[in-house]
Amino acid sequence: TYVPQGEFATLEVWSEGPPLDQTVERHLFEPFFSSESRSSGLGLYI
C-alpha cells in the first residue's frame, strides 16, 4: 500500500511471472476474455 501526498492511495499486487501476450493485455479488463479456455474471463472485469 502507498499513501502519497494528495487525495488518492494505492494498493498494488505484484507477482513474478512472464509478460502478458499483447492480445491478452489489450483485452485484459474486457468481460468474458481469458487466456485460459476453462476460465470465464469475468474476474478482472468484475
ModelCIF file with pLDDT and N, C-alpha, C, O atoms, coordinates in Angstrom:
data_MODEL
#
_entry.id   MODEL 
#
_entity.id                         1 
_entity.type                       polymer 
_entity.pdbx_number_of_molecules   1 
#
_entity_poly.entity_id                      1 
_entity_poly.type                           'polypeptide(L)' 
_entity_poly.nstd_linkage                   no 
_entity_poly.nstd_monomer                   no 
_entity_poly.pdbx_seq_one_letter_code       TYVPQGEFATLEVWSEGPPLDQTVERHLFEPFFSSESRSSGLGLYI 
_entity_poly.pdbx_seq_one_letter_code_can   TYVPQGEFATLEVWSEGPPLDQTVERHLFEPFFSSESRSSGLGLYI 
_entity_poly.pdbx_strand_id                 A 
#
loop_
_entity_poly_seq.entity_id 
_entity_poly_seq.num 
_entity_poly_seq.mon_id 
_entity_poly_seq.hetero 
1 1  THR n 
1 2  TYR n 
1 3  VAL n 
1 4  PRO n 
1 5  GLN n 
1 6  GLY n 
1 7  GLU n 
1 8  PHE n 
1 9  ALA n 
1 10 THR n 
1 11 LEU n 
1 12 GLU n 
1 13 VAL n 
1 14 TRP n 
1 15 SER n 
1 16 GLU n 
1 17 GLY n 
1 18 PRO n 
1 19 PRO n 
1 20 LEU n 
1 21 ASP n 
1 22 GLN n 
1 23 THR n 
1 24 VAL n 
1 25 GLU n 
1 26 ARG n 
1 27 HIS n 
1 28 LEU n 
1 29 PHE n 
1 30 GLU n 
1 31 PRO n 
1 32 PHE n 
1 33 PHE n 
1 34 SER n 
1 35 SER n 
1 36 GLU n 
1 37 SER n 
1 38 ARG n 
1 39 SER n 
1 40 SER n 
1 41 GLY n 
1 42 LEU n 
1 43 GLY n 
1 44 LEU n 
1 45 TYR n 
1 46 ILE n 
#
_struct_asym.id          A 
_struct_asym.entity_id   1 
#
loop_
_ma_qa_metric.id 
_ma_qa_metric.mode 
_ma_qa_metric.name 
_ma_qa_metric.software_group_id 
_ma_qa_metric.type 
1 global pLDDT . pLDDT 
2 local  pLDDT . pLDDT 
#
_ma_qa_metric_global.metric_id      1 
_ma_qa_metric_global.metric_value   76.09 
_ma_qa_metric_global.model_id       1 
_ma_qa_metric_global.ordinal_id     1 
#
loop_
_ma_qa_metric_local.label_asym_id 
_ma_qa_metric_local.label_comp_id 
_ma_qa_metric_local.label_seq_id 
_ma_qa_metric_local.metric_id 
_ma_qa_metric_local.metric_value 
_ma_qa_metric_local.model_id 
_ma_qa_metric_local.ordinal_id 
A THR 1  2 92.00 1 1  
A TYR 2  2 88.00 1 2  
A VAL 3  2 88.00 1 3  
A PRO 4  2 83.00 1 4  
A GLN 5  2 78.00 1 5  
A GLY 6  2 77.00 1 6  
A GLU 7  2 83.00 1 7  
A PHE 8  2 88.00 1 8  
A ALA 9  2 91.00 1 9  
A THR 10 2 91.00 1 10 
A LEU 11 2 93.00 1 11 
A GLU 12 2 93.00 1 12 
A VAL 13 2 93.00 1 13 
A TRP 14 2 91.00 1 14 
A SER 15 2 90.00 1 15 
A GLU 16 2 88.00 1 16 
A GLY 17 2 85.00 1 17 
A PRO 18 2 84.00 1 18 
A PRO 19 2 84.00 1 19 
A LEU 20 2 81.00 1 20 
A ASP 21 2 77.00 1 21 
A GLN 22 2 75.00 1 22 
A THR 23 2 72.00 1 23 
A VAL 24 2 78.00 1 24 
A GLU 25 2 78.00 1 25 
A ARG 26 2 76.00 1 26 
A HIS 27 2 75.00 1 27 
A LEU 28 2 80.00 1 28 
A PHE 29 2 79.00 1 29 
A GLU 30 2 73.00 1 30 
A PRO 31 2 63.00 1 31 
A PHE 32 2 57.00 1 32 
A PHE 33 2 63.00 1 33 
A SER 34 2 64.00 1 34 
A SER 35 2 63.00 1 35 
A GLU 36 2 62.00 1 36 
A SER 37 2 49.00 1 37 
A ARG 38 2 48.00 1 38 
A SER 39 2 53.00 1 39 
A SER 40 2 47.00 1 40 
A GLY 41 2 59.00 1 41 
A LEU 42 2 62.00 1 42 
A GLY 43 2 73.00 1 43 
A LEU 44 2 81.00 1 44 
A TYR 45 2 75.00 1 45 
A ILE 46 2 77.00 1 46 
#
loop_
_atom_site.group_PDB 
_atom_site.id 
_atom_site.type_symbol 
_atom_site.label_atom_id 
_atom_site.label_alt_id 
_atom_site.label_comp_id 
_atom_site.label_asym_id 
_atom_site.label_entity_id 
_atom_site.label_seq_id 
_atom_site.pdbx_PDB_ins_code 
_atom_site.Cartn_x 
_atom_site.Cartn_y 
_atom_site.Cartn_z 
_atom_site.occupancy 
_atom_site.B_iso_or_equiv 
_atom_site.pdbx_formal_charge 
_atom_site.auth_seq_id 
_atom_site.auth_comp_id 
_atom_site.auth_asym_id 
_atom_site.auth_atom_id 
_atom_site.pdbx_PDB_model_num 
ATOM 1   N N  . THR A 1 1  ? 0.846   -1.189  0.000   1.00 92.00 ? 1  THR A N  1 
ATOM 2   C CA . THR A 1 1  ? 0.000   0.000   0.000   1.00 92.00 ? 1  THR A CA 1 
ATOM 3   C C  . THR A 1 1  ? 0.882   1.240   0.000   1.00 92.00 ? 1  THR A C  1 
ATOM 4   O O  . THR A 1 1  ? 1.934   1.264   0.639   1.00 92.00 ? 1  THR A O  1 
ATOM 5   N N  . TYR A 1 2  ? 0.451   2.263   -0.715  1.00 88.00 ? 2  TYR A N  1 
ATOM 6   C CA . TYR A 1 2  ? 1.154   3.538   -0.802  1.00 88.00 ? 2  TYR A CA 1 
ATOM 7   C C  . TYR A 1 2  ? 0.156   4.639   -0.443  1.00 88.00 ? 2  TYR A C  1 
ATOM 8   O O  . TYR A 1 2  ? -1.009  4.604   -0.837  1.00 88.00 ? 2  TYR A O  1 
ATOM 9   N N  . VAL A 1 3  ? 0.649   5.611   0.312   1.00 88.00 ? 3  VAL A N  1 
ATOM 10  C CA . VAL A 1 3  ? -0.177  6.768   0.650   1.00 88.00 ? 3  VAL A CA 1 
ATOM 11  C C  . VAL A 1 3  ? 0.623   8.023   0.333   1.00 88.00 ? 3  VAL A C  1 
ATOM 12  O O  . VAL A 1 3  ? 1.191   8.636   1.237   1.00 88.00 ? 3  VAL A O  1 
ATOM 13  N N  . PRO A 1 4  ? 0.676   8.408   -0.912  1.00 83.00 ? 4  PRO A N  1 
ATOM 14  C CA . PRO A 1 4  ? 1.396   9.635   -1.262  1.00 83.00 ? 4  PRO A CA 1 
ATOM 15  C C  . PRO A 1 4  ? 0.601   10.875  -0.865  1.00 83.00 ? 4  PRO A C  1 
ATOM 16  O O  . PRO A 1 4  ? -0.543  10.787  -0.421  1.00 83.00 ? 4  PRO A O  1 
ATOM 17  N N  . GLN A 1 5  ? 1.232   12.018  -1.035  1.00 78.00 ? 5  GLN A N  1 
ATOM 18  C CA . GLN A 1 5  ? 0.541   13.270  -0.747  1.00 78.00 ? 5  GLN A CA 1 
ATOM 19  C C  . GLN A 1 5  ? -0.564  13.480  -1.783  1.00 78.00 ? 5  GLN A C  1 
ATOM 20  O O  . GLN A 1 5  ? -0.331  13.339  -2.983  1.00 78.00 ? 5  GLN A O  1 
ATOM 21  N N  . GLY A 1 6  ? -1.743  13.813  -1.322  1.00 77.00 ? 6  GLY A N  1 
ATOM 22  C CA . GLY A 1 6  ? -2.846  14.028  -2.247  1.00 77.00 ? 6  GLY A CA 1 
ATOM 23  C C  . GLY A 1 6  ? -4.098  13.316  -1.777  1.00 77.00 ? 6  GLY A C  1 
ATOM 24  O O  . GLY A 1 6  ? -4.183  12.877  -0.630  1.00 77.00 ? 6  GLY A O  1 
ATOM 25  N N  . GLU A 1 7  ? -5.059  13.205  -2.661  1.00 83.00 ? 7  GLU A N  1 
ATOM 26  C CA . GLU A 1 7  ? -6.357  12.649  -2.314  1.00 83.00 ? 7  GLU A CA 1 
ATOM 27  C C  . GLU A 1 7  ? -6.510  11.186  -2.705  1.00 83.00 ? 7  GLU A C  1 
ATOM 28  O O  . GLU A 1 7  ? -7.610  10.640  -2.627  1.00 83.00 ? 7  GLU A O  1 
ATOM 29  N N  . PHE A 1 8  ? -5.418  10.542  -3.125  1.00 88.00 ? 8  PHE A N  1 
ATOM 30  C CA . PHE A 1 8  ? -5.504  9.159   -3.545  1.00 88.00 ? 8  PHE A CA 1 
ATOM 31  C C  . PHE A 1 8  ? -4.514  8.294   -2.775  1.00 88.00 ? 8  PHE A C  1 
ATOM 32  O O  . PHE A 1 8  ? -3.479  8.768   -2.308  1.00 88.00 ? 8  PHE A O  1 
ATOM 33  N N  . ALA A 1 9  ? -4.858  7.014   -2.655  1.00 91.00 ? 9  ALA A N  1 
ATOM 34  C CA . ALA A 1 9  ? -3.962  5.992   -2.104  1.00 91.00 ? 9  ALA A CA 1 
ATOM 35  C C  . ALA A 1 9  ? -3.897  4.847   -3.105  1.00 91.00 ? 9  ALA A C  1 
ATOM 36  O O  . ALA A 1 9  ? -4.776  4.711   -3.957  1.00 91.00 ? 9  ALA A O  1 
ATOM 37  N N  . THR A 1 10 ? -2.852  4.021   -3.002  1.00 91.00 ? 10 THR A N  1 
ATOM 38  C CA . THR A 1 10 ? -2.628  2.952   -3.979  1.00 91.00 ? 10 THR A CA 1 
ATOM 39  C C  . THR A 1 10 ? -2.455  1.621   -3.269  1.00 91.00 ? 10 THR A C  1 
ATOM 40  O O  . THR A 1 10 ? -1.742  1.513   -2.272  1.00 91.00 ? 10 THR A O  1 
ATOM 41  N N  . LEU A 1 11 ? -3.128  0.607   -3.811  1.00 93.00 ? 11 LEU A N  1 
ATOM 42  C CA . LEU A 1 11 ? -2.973  -0.776  -3.368  1.00 93.00 ? 11 LEU A CA 1 
ATOM 43  C C  . LEU A 1 11 ? -2.482  -1.567  -4.571  1.00 93.00 ? 11 LEU A C  1 
ATOM 44  O O  . LEU A 1 11 ? -3.166  -1.641  -5.591  1.00 93.00 ? 11 LEU A O  1 
ATOM 45  N N  . GLU A 1 12 ? -1.288  -2.165  -4.451  1.00 93.00 ? 12 GLU A N  1 
ATOM 46  C CA . GLU A 1 12 ? -0.647  -2.834  -5.578  1.00 93.00 ? 12 GLU A CA 1 
ATOM 47  C C  . GLU A 1 12 ? -0.421  -4.303  -5.264  1.00 93.00 ? 12 GLU A C  1 
ATOM 48  O O  . GLU A 1 12 ? -0.008  -4.661  -4.161  1.00 93.00 ? 12 GLU A O  1 
ATOM 49  N N  . VAL A 1 13 ? -0.702  -5.160  -6.263  1.00 93.00 ? 13 VAL A N  1 
ATOM 50  C CA . VAL A 1 13 ? -0.436  -6.593  -6.188  1.00 93.00 ? 13 VAL A CA 1 
ATOM 51  C C  . VAL A 1 13 ? 0.555   -6.925  -7.293  1.00 93.00 ? 13 VAL A C  1 
ATOM 52  O O  . VAL A 1 13 ? 0.251   -6.781  -8.477  1.00 93.00 ? 13 VAL A O  1 
ATOM 53  N N  . TRP A 1 14 ? 1.749   -7.373  -6.894  1.00 91.00 ? 14 TRP A N  1 
ATOM 54  C CA . TRP A 1 14 ? 2.817   -7.708  -7.843  1.00 91.00 ? 14 TRP A CA 1 
ATOM 55  C C  . TRP A 1 14 ? 3.144   -9.186  -7.729  1.00 91.00 ? 14 TRP A C  1 
ATOM 56  O O  . TRP A 1 14 ? 3.141   -9.742  -6.631  1.00 91.00 ? 14 TRP A O  1 
ATOM 57  N N  . SER A 1 15 ? 3.423   -9.822  -8.851  1.00 90.00 ? 15 SER A N  1 
ATOM 58  C CA . SER A 1 15 ? 3.800   -11.235 -8.850  1.00 90.00 ? 15 SER A CA 1 
ATOM 59  C C  . SER A 1 15 ? 4.836   -11.477 -9.923  1.00 90.00 ? 15 SER A C  1 
ATOM 60  O O  . SER A 1 15 ? 4.783   -10.900 -11.009 1.00 90.00 ? 15 SER A O  1 
ATOM 61  N N  . GLU A 1 16 ? 5.777   -12.339 -9.598  1.00 88.00 ? 16 GLU A N  1 
ATOM 62  C CA . GLU A 1 16 ? 6.810   -12.733 -10.570 1.00 88.00 ? 16 GLU A CA 1 
ATOM 63  C C  . GLU A 1 16 ? 6.177   -13.613 -11.634 1.00 88.00 ? 16 GLU A C  1 
ATOM 64  O O  . GLU A 1 16 ? 5.387   -14.503 -11.321 1.00 88.00 ? 16 GLU A O  1 
ATOM 65  N N  . GLY A 1 17 ? 6.525   -13.364 -12.898 1.00 85.00 ? 17 GLY A N  1 
ATOM 66  C CA . GLY A 1 17 ? 5.961   -14.164 -13.965 1.00 85.00 ? 17 GLY A CA 1 
ATOM 67  C C  . GLY A 1 17 ? 6.292   -13.598 -15.329 1.00 85.00 ? 17 GLY A C  1 
ATOM 68  O O  . GLY A 1 17 ? 6.795   -12.479 -15.428 1.00 85.00 ? 17 GLY A O  1 
ATOM 69  N N  . PRO A 1 18 ? 6.015   -14.358 -16.393 1.00 84.00 ? 18 PRO A N  1 
ATOM 70  C CA . PRO A 1 18 ? 6.307   -13.898 -17.759 1.00 84.00 ? 18 PRO A CA 1 
ATOM 71  C C  . PRO A 1 18 ? 5.371   -12.763 -18.157 1.00 84.00 ? 18 PRO A C  1 
ATOM 72  O O  . PRO A 1 18 ? 4.305   -12.599 -17.563 1.00 84.00 ? 18 PRO A O  1 
ATOM 73  N N  . PRO A 1 19 ? 5.763   -11.980 -19.159 1.00 84.00 ? 19 PRO A N  1 
ATOM 74  C CA . PRO A 1 19 ? 4.891   -10.876 -19.598 1.00 84.00 ? 19 PRO A CA 1 
ATOM 75  C C  . PRO A 1 19 ? 3.637   -11.405 -20.290 1.00 84.00 ? 19 PRO A C  1 
ATOM 76  O O  . PRO A 1 19 ? 3.636   -12.504 -20.844 1.00 84.00 ? 19 PRO A O  1 
ATOM 77  N N  . LEU A 1 20 ? 2.585   -10.617 -20.250 1.00 81.00 ? 20 LEU A N  1 
ATOM 78  C CA . LEU A 1 20 ? 1.343   -10.989 -20.901 1.00 81.00 ? 20 LEU A CA 1 
ATOM 79  C C  . LEU A 1 20 ? 1.448   -10.807 -22.410 1.00 81.00 ? 20 LEU A C  1 
ATOM 80  O O  . LEU A 1 20 ? 2.134   -9.905  -22.893 1.00 81.00 ? 20 LEU A O  1 
ATOM 81  N N  . ASP A 1 21 ? 0.764   -11.669 -23.141 1.00 77.00 ? 21 ASP A N  1 
ATOM 82  C CA . ASP A 1 21 ? 0.679   -11.510 -24.584 1.00 77.00 ? 21 ASP A CA 1 
ATOM 83  C C  . ASP A 1 21 ? -0.028  -10.189 -24.912 1.00 77.00 ? 21 ASP A C  1 
ATOM 84  O O  . ASP A 1 21 ? -0.930  -9.763  -24.190 1.00 77.00 ? 21 ASP A O  1 
ATOM 85  N N  . GLN A 1 22 ? 0.390   -9.550  -26.003 1.00 75.00 ? 22 GLN A N  1 
ATOM 86  C CA . GLN A 1 22 ? -0.177  -8.246  -26.343 1.00 75.00 ? 22 GLN A CA 1 
ATOM 87  C C  . GLN A 1 22 ? -1.683  -8.328  -26.576 1.00 75.00 ? 22 GLN A C  1 
ATOM 88  O O  . GLN A 1 22 ? -2.426  -7.419  -26.207 1.00 75.00 ? 22 GLN A O  1 
ATOM 89  N N  . THR A 1 23 ? -2.125  -9.424  -27.192 1.00 72.00 ? 23 THR A N  1 
ATOM 90  C CA . THR A 1 23 ? -3.564  -9.571  -27.411 1.00 72.00 ? 23 THR A CA 1 
ATOM 91  C C  . THR A 1 23 ? -4.300  -9.689  -26.091 1.00 72.00 ? 23 THR A C  1 
ATOM 92  O O  . THR A 1 23 ? -5.369  -9.105  -25.919 1.00 72.00 ? 23 THR A O  1 
ATOM 93  N N  . VAL A 1 24 ? -3.735  -10.442 -25.155 1.00 78.00 ? 24 VAL A N  1 
ATOM 94  C CA . VAL A 1 24 ? -4.358  -10.589 -23.839 1.00 78.00 ? 24 VAL A CA 1 
ATOM 95  C C  . VAL A 1 24 ? -4.356  -9.259  -23.093 1.00 78.00 ? 24 VAL A C  1 
ATOM 96  O O  . VAL A 1 24 ? -5.352  -8.892  -22.469 1.00 78.00 ? 24 VAL A O  1 
ATOM 97  N N  . GLU A 1 25 ? -3.240  -8.541  -23.157 1.00 78.00 ? 25 GLU A N  1 
ATOM 98  C CA . GLU A 1 25 ? -3.157  -7.253  -22.452 1.00 78.00 ? 25 GLU A CA 1 
ATOM 99  C C  . GLU A 1 25 ? -4.145  -6.238  -23.017 1.00 78.00 ? 25 GLU A C  1 
ATOM 100 O O  . GLU A 1 25 ? -4.697  -5.429  -22.270 1.00 78.00 ? 25 GLU A O  1 
ATOM 101 N N  . ARG A 1 26 ? -4.372  -6.273  -24.338 1.00 76.00 ? 26 ARG A N  1 
ATOM 102 C CA . ARG A 1 26 ? -5.294  -5.331  -24.944 1.00 76.00 ? 26 ARG A CA 1 
ATOM 103 C C  . ARG A 1 26 ? -6.727  -5.557  -24.474 1.00 76.00 ? 26 ARG A C  1 
ATOM 104 O O  . ARG A 1 26 ? -7.499  -4.605  -24.360 1.00 76.00 ? 26 ARG A O  1 
ATOM 105 N N  . HIS A 1 27 ? -7.090  -6.821  -24.199 1.00 75.00 ? 27 HIS A N  1 
ATOM 106 C CA . HIS A 1 27 ? -8.455  -7.141  -23.764 1.00 75.00 ? 27 HIS A CA 1 
ATOM 107 C C  . HIS A 1 27 ? -8.497  -7.544  -22.294 1.00 75.00 ? 27 HIS A C  1 
ATOM 108 O O  . HIS A 1 27 ? -9.396  -8.274  -21.879 1.00 75.00 ? 27 HIS A O  1 
ATOM 109 N N  . LEU A 1 28 ? -7.544  -7.080  -21.514 1.00 80.00 ? 28 LEU A N  1 
ATOM 110 C CA . LEU A 1 28 ? -7.356  -7.600  -20.162 1.00 80.00 ? 28 LEU A CA 1 
ATOM 111 C C  . LEU A 1 28 ? -8.589  -7.400  -19.287 1.00 80.00 ? 28 LEU A C  1 
ATOM 112 O O  . LEU A 1 28 ? -8.982  -8.315  -18.563 1.00 80.00 ? 28 LEU A O  1 
ATOM 113 N N  . PHE A 1 29 ? -9.196  -6.238  -19.340 1.00 79.00 ? 29 PHE A N  1 
ATOM 114 C CA . PHE A 1 29 ? -10.308 -5.927  -18.448 1.00 79.00 ? 29 PHE A CA 1 
ATOM 115 C C  . PHE A 1 29 ? -11.667 -6.035  -19.140 1.00 79.00 ? 29 PHE A C  1 
ATOM 116 O O  . PHE A 1 29 ? -12.673 -5.555  -18.619 1.00 79.00 ? 29 PHE A O  1 
ATOM 117 N N  . GLU A 1 30 ? -11.691 -6.668  -20.320 1.00 73.00 ? 30 GLU A N  1 
ATOM 118 C CA . GLU A 1 30 ? -12.953 -6.853  -21.004 1.00 73.00 ? 30 GLU A CA 1 
ATOM 119 C C  . GLU A 1 30 ? -13.662 -8.098  -20.472 1.00 73.00 ? 30 GLU A C  1 
ATOM 120 O O  . GLU A 1 30 ? -13.007 -9.057  -20.062 1.00 73.00 ? 30 GLU A O  1 
ATOM 121 N N  . PRO A 1 31 ? -14.987 -8.087  -20.476 1.00 63.00 ? 31 PRO A N  1 
ATOM 122 C CA . PRO A 1 31 ? -15.717 -9.255  -19.949 1.00 63.00 ? 31 PRO A CA 1 
ATOM 123 C C  . PRO A 1 31 ? -15.600 -10.458 -20.873 1.00 63.00 ? 31 PRO A C  1 
ATOM 124 O O  . PRO A 1 31 ? -15.561 -10.319 -22.096 1.00 63.00 ? 31 PRO A O  1 
ATOM 125 N N  . PHE A 1 32 ? -15.545 -11.632 -20.273 1.00 57.00 ? 32 PHE A N  1 
ATOM 126 C CA . PHE A 1 32 ? -15.569 -12.905 -20.971 1.00 57.00 ? 32 PHE A CA 1 
ATOM 127 C C  . PHE A 1 32 ? -14.346 -13.121 -21.849 1.00 57.00 ? 32 PHE A C  1 
ATOM 128 O O  . PHE A 1 32 ? -14.420 -13.882 -22.813 1.00 57.00 ? 32 PHE A O  1 
ATOM 129 N N  . PHE A 1 33 ? -13.235 -12.482 -21.550 1.00 63.00 ? 33 PHE A N  1 
ATOM 130 C CA . PHE A 1 33 ? -11.997 -12.706 -22.302 1.00 63.00 ? 33 PHE A CA 1 
ATOM 131 C C  . PHE A 1 33 ? -10.951 -13.262 -21.346 1.00 63.00 ? 33 PHE A C  1 
ATOM 132 O O  . PHE A 1 33 ? -10.674 -12.679 -20.298 1.00 63.00 ? 33 PHE A O  1 
ATOM 133 N N  . SER A 1 34 ? -10.373 -14.403 -21.728 1.00 64.00 ? 34 SER A N  1 
ATOM 134 C CA . SER A 1 34 ? -9.387  -15.051 -20.869 1.00 64.00 ? 34 SER A CA 1 
ATOM 135 C C  . SER A 1 34 ? -8.391  -15.787 -21.729 1.00 64.00 ? 34 SER A C  1 
ATOM 136 O O  . SER A 1 34 ? -8.717  -16.259 -22.818 1.00 64.00 ? 34 SER A O  1 
ATOM 137 N N  . SER A 1 35 ? -7.154  -15.884 -21.224 1.00 63.00 ? 35 SER A N  1 
ATOM 138 C CA . SER A 1 35 ? -6.129  -16.651 -21.923 1.00 63.00 ? 35 SER A CA 1 
ATOM 139 C C  . SER A 1 35 ? -6.248  -18.142 -21.656 1.00 63.00 ? 35 SER A C  1 
ATOM 140 O O  . SER A 1 35 ? -5.536  -18.935 -22.273 1.00 63.00 ? 35 SER A O  1 
ATOM 141 N N  . GLU A 1 36 ? -7.133  -18.539 -20.751 1.00 62.00 ? 36 GLU A N  1 
ATOM 142 C CA . GLU A 1 36 ? -7.351  -19.945 -20.442 1.00 62.00 ? 36 GLU A CA 1 
ATOM 143 C C  . GLU A 1 36 ? -8.730  -20.362 -20.942 1.00 62.00 ? 36 GLU A C  1 
ATOM 144 O O  . GLU A 1 36 ? -9.717  -19.644 -20.775 1.00 62.00 ? 36 GLU A O  1 
ATOM 145 N N  . SER A 1 37 ? -8.771  -21.537 -21.557 1.00 49.00 ? 37 SER A N  1 
ATOM 146 C CA . SER A 1 37 ? -10.025 -21.988 -22.151 1.00 49.00 ? 37 SER A CA 1 
ATOM 147 C C  . SER A 1 37 ? -11.082 -22.295 -21.095 1.00 49.00 ? 37 SER A C  1 
ATOM 148 O O  . SER A 1 37 ? -12.272 -22.181 -21.389 1.00 49.00 ? 37 SER A O  1 
ATOM 149 N N  . ARG A 1 38 ? -10.691 -22.687 -19.855 1.00 48.00 ? 38 ARG A N  1 
ATOM 150 C CA . ARG A 1 38 ? -11.653 -23.045 -18.824 1.00 48.00 ? 38 ARG A CA 1 
ATOM 151 C C  . ARG A 1 38 ? -12.091 -21.873 -17.961 1.00 48.00 ? 38 ARG A C  1 
ATOM 152 O O  . ARG A 1 38 ? -12.954 -22.024 -17.097 1.00 48.00 ? 38 ARG A O  1 
ATOM 153 N N  . SER A 1 39 ? -11.507 -20.719 -18.188 1.00 53.00 ? 39 SER A N  1 
ATOM 154 C CA . SER A 1 39 ? -11.865 -19.548 -17.386 1.00 53.00 ? 39 SER A CA 1 
ATOM 155 C C  . SER A 1 39 ? -13.020 -18.801 -18.024 1.00 53.00 ? 39 SER A C  1 
ATOM 156 O O  . SER A 1 39 ? -13.143 -18.761 -19.248 1.00 53.00 ? 39 SER A O  1 
ATOM 157 N N  . SER A 1 40 ? -13.862 -18.213 -17.198 1.00 47.00 ? 40 SER A N  1 
ATOM 158 C CA . SER A 1 40 ? -14.996 -17.449 -17.718 1.00 47.00 ? 40 SER A CA 1 
ATOM 159 C C  . SER A 1 40 ? -14.586 -16.068 -18.208 1.00 47.00 ? 40 SER A C  1 
ATOM 160 O O  . SER A 1 40 ? -15.325 -15.445 -18.971 1.00 47.00 ? 40 SER A O  1 
ATOM 161 N N  . GLY A 1 41 ? -13.433 -15.580 -17.790 1.00 59.00 ? 41 GLY A N  1 
ATOM 162 C CA . GLY A 1 41 ? -12.990 -14.255 -18.208 1.00 59.00 ? 41 GLY A CA 1 
ATOM 163 C C  . GLY A 1 41 ? -13.720 -13.111 -17.544 1.00 59.00 ? 41 GLY A C  1 
ATOM 164 O O  . GLY A 1 41 ? -13.770 -12.013 -18.099 1.00 59.00 ? 41 GLY A O  1 
ATOM 165 N N  . LEU A 1 42 ? -14.291 -13.336 -16.367 1.00 62.00 ? 42 LEU A N  1 
ATOM 166 C CA . LEU A 1 42 ? -15.049 -12.290 -15.676 1.00 62.00 ? 42 LEU A CA 1 
ATOM 167 C C  . LEU A 1 42 ? -14.306 -11.690 -14.491 1.00 62.00 ? 42 LEU A C  1 
ATOM 168 O O  . LEU A 1 42 ? -14.718 -10.652 -13.974 1.00 62.00 ? 42 LEU A O  1 
ATOM 169 N N  . GLY A 1 43 ? -13.215 -12.323 -14.048 1.00 73.00 ? 43 GLY A N  1 
ATOM 170 C CA . GLY A 1 43 ? -12.554 -11.889 -12.811 1.00 73.00 ? 43 GLY A CA 1 
ATOM 171 C C  . GLY A 1 43 ? -12.097 -10.451 -12.850 1.00 73.00 ? 43 GLY A C  1 
ATOM 172 O O  . GLY A 1 43 ? -12.515 -9.648  -12.016 1.00 73.00 ? 43 GLY A O  1 
ATOM 173 N N  . LEU A 1 44 ? -11.237 -10.104 -13.812 1.00 81.00 ? 44 LEU A N  1 
ATOM 174 C CA . LEU A 1 44 ? -10.709 -8.750  -13.879 1.00 81.00 ? 44 LEU A CA 1 
ATOM 175 C C  . LEU A 1 44 ? -11.785 -7.750  -14.290 1.00 81.00 ? 44 LEU A C  1 
ATOM 176 O O  . LEU A 1 44 ? -11.734 -6.582  -13.904 1.00 81.00 ? 44 LEU A O  1 
ATOM 177 N N  . TYR A 1 45 ? -12.746 -8.205  -15.065 1.00 75.00 ? 45 TYR A N  1 
ATOM 178 C CA . TYR A 1 45 ? -13.855 -7.314  -15.422 1.00 75.00 ? 45 TYR A CA 1 
ATOM 179 C C  . TYR A 1 45 ? -14.646 -6.918  -14.174 1.00 75.00 ? 45 TYR A C  1 
ATOM 180 O O  . TYR A 1 45 ? -15.003 -5.753  -14.002 1.00 75.00 ? 45 TYR A O  1 
ATOM 181 N N  . ILE A 1 46 ? -14.916 -7.893  -13.307 1.00 77.00 ? 46 ILE A N  1 
ATOM 182 C CA . ILE A 1 46 ? -15.630 -7.601  -12.065 1.00 77.00 ? 46 ILE A CA 1 
ATOM 183 C C  . ILE A 1 46 ? -14.795 -6.671  -11.188 1.00 77.00 ? 46 ILE A C  1 
ATOM 184 O O  . ILE A 1 46 ? -15.223 -6.305  -10.094 1.00 77.00 ? 46 ILE A O  1 
#
